[in-house]
């Protein structure tokens, strides 16, 4: 799976990024994944959120979400 992150993650946002595990069904329901994209049932995605709750990006690996936050000079925090 290709990681999907905005290119300007740091612009206008705070310094903390939240990483939240989200199931594929919830990702579809929240509009993160287009309806025409099929993911395996029960697949876990890791969604990177700005301090204001907006979605910065998502990936299928925690390490990728963590790395994206660090590379963009954000402090990653896990949310359960």
N, C-alpha and C. Protein backbone atom coordinates (compact mmCIF):
# COMPACT_ATOMS: atom_id res chain seq x y z
N UNK A 1 0.85 -1.18 0.00
CA UNK A 1 0.00 0.00 0.00
C UNK A 1 0.89 1.23 0.00
N UNK A 2 0.51 2.21 -0.75
CA UNK A 2 1.25 3.47 -0.79
C UNK A 2 0.80 4.36 0.35
N UNK A 3 1.77 4.93 1.05
CA UNK A 3 1.44 5.87 2.12
C UNK A 3 0.86 7.13 1.50
N UNK A 4 -0.14 7.70 2.15
CA UNK A 4 -0.78 8.90 1.65
C UNK A 4 -0.66 10.00 2.69
N UNK A 5 0.17 10.99 2.41
CA UNK A 5 0.36 12.12 3.31
C UNK A 5 0.38 13.39 2.50
N UNK A 6 -0.16 14.46 3.07
CA UNK A 6 -0.11 15.75 2.40
C UNK A 6 1.35 16.20 2.35
N UNK A 7 1.71 16.93 1.30
CA UNK A 7 3.09 17.36 1.16
C UNK A 7 3.46 18.50 2.08
N UNK A 8 2.50 19.29 2.50
CA UNK A 8 2.77 20.44 3.37
C UNK A 8 2.21 20.18 4.76
N UNK A 9 2.64 19.09 5.39
CA UNK A 9 2.06 18.70 6.67
C UNK A 9 2.27 19.74 7.76
N UNK A 10 3.37 20.43 7.76
CA UNK A 10 3.66 21.37 8.84
C UNK A 10 2.98 22.71 8.68
N UNK A 11 2.51 23.06 7.52
CA UNK A 11 1.99 24.39 7.27
C UNK A 11 0.72 24.70 8.03
N UNK A 12 0.77 25.68 8.94
CA UNK A 12 -0.41 26.14 9.64
C UNK A 12 -0.87 25.28 10.79
N UNK A 13 -0.18 24.20 11.08
CA UNK A 13 -0.60 23.31 12.15
C UNK A 13 0.35 23.43 13.33
N UNK A 14 -0.06 22.87 14.47
CA UNK A 14 0.77 22.85 15.66
C UNK A 14 1.92 21.88 15.52
N UNK A 15 2.63 21.68 16.58
CA UNK A 15 3.84 20.86 16.56
C UNK A 15 3.60 19.41 16.94
N UNK A 16 2.39 19.04 17.36
CA UNK A 16 2.08 17.67 17.74
C UNK A 16 1.22 17.02 16.66
N UNK A 17 1.51 15.76 16.37
CA UNK A 17 0.69 14.98 15.44
C UNK A 17 0.24 13.72 16.17
N UNK A 18 -1.02 13.38 16.02
CA UNK A 18 -1.58 12.22 16.68
C UNK A 18 -1.71 11.07 15.69
N UNK A 19 -1.28 9.88 16.11
CA UNK A 19 -1.39 8.69 15.28
C UNK A 19 -2.49 7.82 15.88
N UNK A 20 -3.53 7.59 15.10
CA UNK A 20 -4.68 6.83 15.60
C UNK A 20 -4.93 5.61 14.71
N UNK A 21 -4.90 4.41 15.29
CA UNK A 21 -5.26 3.23 14.51
C UNK A 21 -6.75 3.27 14.17
N UNK A 22 -7.06 2.97 12.92
CA UNK A 22 -8.44 3.04 12.44
C UNK A 22 -8.69 1.84 11.54
N UNK A 23 -9.79 1.16 11.74
CA UNK A 23 -10.14 0.02 10.90
C UNK A 23 -10.57 0.47 9.51
N UNK A 24 -10.45 -0.42 8.55
CA UNK A 24 -10.79 -0.08 7.16
C UNK A 24 -12.25 0.34 7.02
N UNK A 25 -13.15 -0.28 7.79
CA UNK A 25 -14.56 0.08 7.71
C UNK A 25 -14.77 1.52 8.18
N UNK A 26 -14.12 1.88 9.29
CA UNK A 26 -14.22 3.26 9.79
C UNK A 26 -13.58 4.25 8.82
N UNK A 27 -12.49 3.86 8.19
CA UNK A 27 -11.83 4.74 7.23
C UNK A 27 -12.76 5.05 6.06
N UNK A 28 -13.50 4.06 5.60
CA UNK A 28 -14.49 4.29 4.53
C UNK A 28 -15.61 5.20 5.03
N UNK A 29 -16.12 4.90 6.23
CA UNK A 29 -17.22 5.67 6.80
C UNK A 29 -16.85 7.13 7.00
N UNK A 30 -15.60 7.38 7.40
CA UNK A 30 -15.13 8.75 7.63
C UNK A 30 -14.74 9.47 6.34
N UNK A 31 -14.74 8.75 5.22
CA UNK A 31 -14.39 9.37 3.95
C UNK A 31 -12.90 9.46 3.69
N UNK A 32 -12.09 8.74 4.48
CA UNK A 32 -10.65 8.74 4.25
C UNK A 32 -10.27 7.94 3.01
N UNK A 33 -11.02 6.88 2.78
CA UNK A 33 -10.79 6.00 1.64
C UNK A 33 -12.00 6.13 0.71
N UNK A 34 -11.78 6.38 -0.57
CA UNK A 34 -12.91 6.47 -1.51
C UNK A 34 -13.74 5.18 -1.52
N UNK A 35 -15.02 5.31 -1.74
CA UNK A 35 -15.94 4.17 -1.72
C UNK A 35 -15.57 3.10 -2.75
N UNK A 36 -14.96 3.49 -3.86
CA UNK A 36 -14.62 2.52 -4.90
C UNK A 36 -13.30 1.80 -4.64
N UNK A 37 -12.63 2.08 -3.52
CA UNK A 37 -11.38 1.41 -3.17
C UNK A 37 -11.69 0.33 -2.14
N UNK A 38 -11.40 -0.91 -2.49
CA UNK A 38 -11.65 -2.03 -1.58
C UNK A 38 -10.39 -2.35 -0.79
N UNK A 39 -10.56 -2.45 0.51
CA UNK A 39 -9.49 -2.86 1.40
C UNK A 39 -9.89 -4.17 2.05
N UNK A 40 -8.93 -5.00 2.45
CA UNK A 40 -9.28 -6.24 3.14
C UNK A 40 -10.11 -5.95 4.40
N UNK A 41 -11.10 -6.77 4.64
CA UNK A 41 -11.95 -6.62 5.82
C UNK A 41 -11.09 -6.66 7.08
N UNK A 42 -11.28 -5.69 7.95
CA UNK A 42 -10.55 -5.65 9.21
C UNK A 42 -9.15 -5.08 9.13
N UNK A 43 -8.75 -4.59 7.97
CA UNK A 43 -7.41 -4.02 7.83
C UNK A 43 -7.28 -2.79 8.74
N UNK A 44 -6.13 -2.65 9.37
CA UNK A 44 -5.88 -1.52 10.25
C UNK A 44 -5.04 -0.48 9.51
N UNK A 45 -5.50 0.76 9.55
CA UNK A 45 -4.74 1.88 9.01
C UNK A 45 -4.29 2.75 10.18
N UNK A 46 -3.25 3.52 9.95
CA UNK A 46 -2.76 4.46 10.95
C UNK A 46 -2.93 5.85 10.38
N UNK A 47 -3.82 6.62 11.01
CA UNK A 47 -4.18 7.94 10.51
C UNK A 47 -3.42 8.98 11.32
N UNK A 48 -2.76 9.89 10.63
CA UNK A 48 -2.00 10.96 11.25
C UNK A 48 -2.86 12.21 11.27
N UNK A 49 -3.11 12.73 12.48
CA UNK A 49 -3.97 13.90 12.66
C UNK A 49 -3.15 15.08 13.18
N UNK A 50 -3.52 16.28 12.76
CA UNK A 50 -2.96 17.52 13.30
C UNK A 50 -3.60 17.77 14.67
N UNK A 51 -3.07 18.73 15.39
CA UNK A 51 -3.61 19.07 16.72
C UNK A 51 -5.09 19.44 16.66
N UNK A 52 -5.52 20.03 15.56
CA UNK A 52 -6.92 20.43 15.44
C UNK A 52 -7.83 19.28 15.00
N UNK A 53 -7.27 18.09 14.84
CA UNK A 53 -8.05 16.91 14.47
C UNK A 53 -8.13 16.65 12.98
N UNK A 54 -7.66 17.58 12.17
CA UNK A 54 -7.71 17.35 10.72
C UNK A 54 -6.75 16.23 10.33
N UNK A 55 -7.12 15.52 9.27
CA UNK A 55 -6.32 14.39 8.81
C UNK A 55 -5.18 14.89 7.94
N UNK A 56 -3.98 14.49 8.31
CA UNK A 56 -2.79 14.83 7.53
C UNK A 56 -2.47 13.73 6.52
N UNK A 57 -2.79 12.49 6.88
CA UNK A 57 -2.51 11.38 5.99
C UNK A 57 -2.79 10.06 6.67
N UNK A 58 -2.57 8.97 5.95
CA UNK A 58 -2.78 7.64 6.50
C UNK A 58 -1.87 6.65 5.81
N UNK A 59 -1.63 5.55 6.48
CA UNK A 59 -0.78 4.49 5.96
C UNK A 59 -1.20 3.17 6.61
N UNK A 60 -0.64 2.08 6.15
CA UNK A 60 -0.96 0.78 6.75
C UNK A 60 0.11 0.34 7.75
N UNK A 61 1.07 1.22 8.06
CA UNK A 61 2.14 0.87 9.00
C UNK A 61 2.37 2.00 10.00
N UNK A 62 2.38 1.65 11.27
CA UNK A 62 2.61 2.64 12.32
C UNK A 62 3.94 3.37 12.09
N UNK A 63 4.98 2.61 11.73
CA UNK A 63 6.30 3.20 11.54
C UNK A 63 6.29 4.27 10.45
N UNK A 64 5.51 4.08 9.42
CA UNK A 64 5.41 5.08 8.35
C UNK A 64 4.75 6.36 8.84
N UNK A 65 3.68 6.21 9.62
CA UNK A 65 3.00 7.39 10.17
C UNK A 65 3.93 8.13 11.13
N UNK A 66 4.63 7.39 11.97
CA UNK A 66 5.58 7.99 12.91
C UNK A 66 6.69 8.71 12.16
N UNK A 67 7.25 8.05 11.16
CA UNK A 67 8.32 8.64 10.36
C UNK A 67 7.88 9.90 9.63
N UNK A 68 6.67 9.89 9.10
CA UNK A 68 6.16 11.08 8.40
C UNK A 68 6.05 12.26 9.35
N UNK A 69 5.60 12.00 10.56
CA UNK A 69 5.49 13.08 11.55
C UNK A 69 6.87 13.64 11.87
N UNK A 70 7.82 12.77 12.16
CA UNK A 70 9.17 13.21 12.52
C UNK A 70 9.84 13.95 11.37
N UNK A 71 9.70 13.44 10.15
CA UNK A 71 10.31 14.09 8.99
C UNK A 71 9.75 15.49 8.76
N UNK A 72 8.54 15.73 9.22
CA UNK A 72 7.91 17.03 9.05
C UNK A 72 7.97 17.87 10.33
N UNK A 73 8.92 17.50 11.19
CA UNK A 73 9.22 18.24 12.42
C UNK A 73 8.01 18.35 13.35
N UNK A 74 7.22 17.27 13.39
CA UNK A 74 6.09 17.17 14.30
C UNK A 74 6.43 16.12 15.35
N UNK A 75 5.87 16.26 16.53
CA UNK A 75 6.08 15.27 17.60
C UNK A 75 4.92 14.29 17.57
N UNK A 76 5.18 13.02 17.22
CA UNK A 76 4.10 12.04 17.14
C UNK A 76 3.67 11.54 18.52
N UNK A 77 2.36 11.41 18.69
CA UNK A 77 1.77 10.89 19.91
C UNK A 77 0.73 9.85 19.50
N UNK A 78 0.77 8.69 20.16
CA UNK A 78 -0.20 7.63 19.85
C UNK A 78 -1.53 7.91 20.54
N UNK A 79 -2.61 7.63 19.82
CA UNK A 79 -3.96 7.74 20.37
C UNK A 79 -4.60 6.37 20.21
N UNK A 80 -5.23 5.90 21.28
CA UNK A 80 -5.84 4.55 21.22
C UNK A 80 -7.33 4.67 21.19
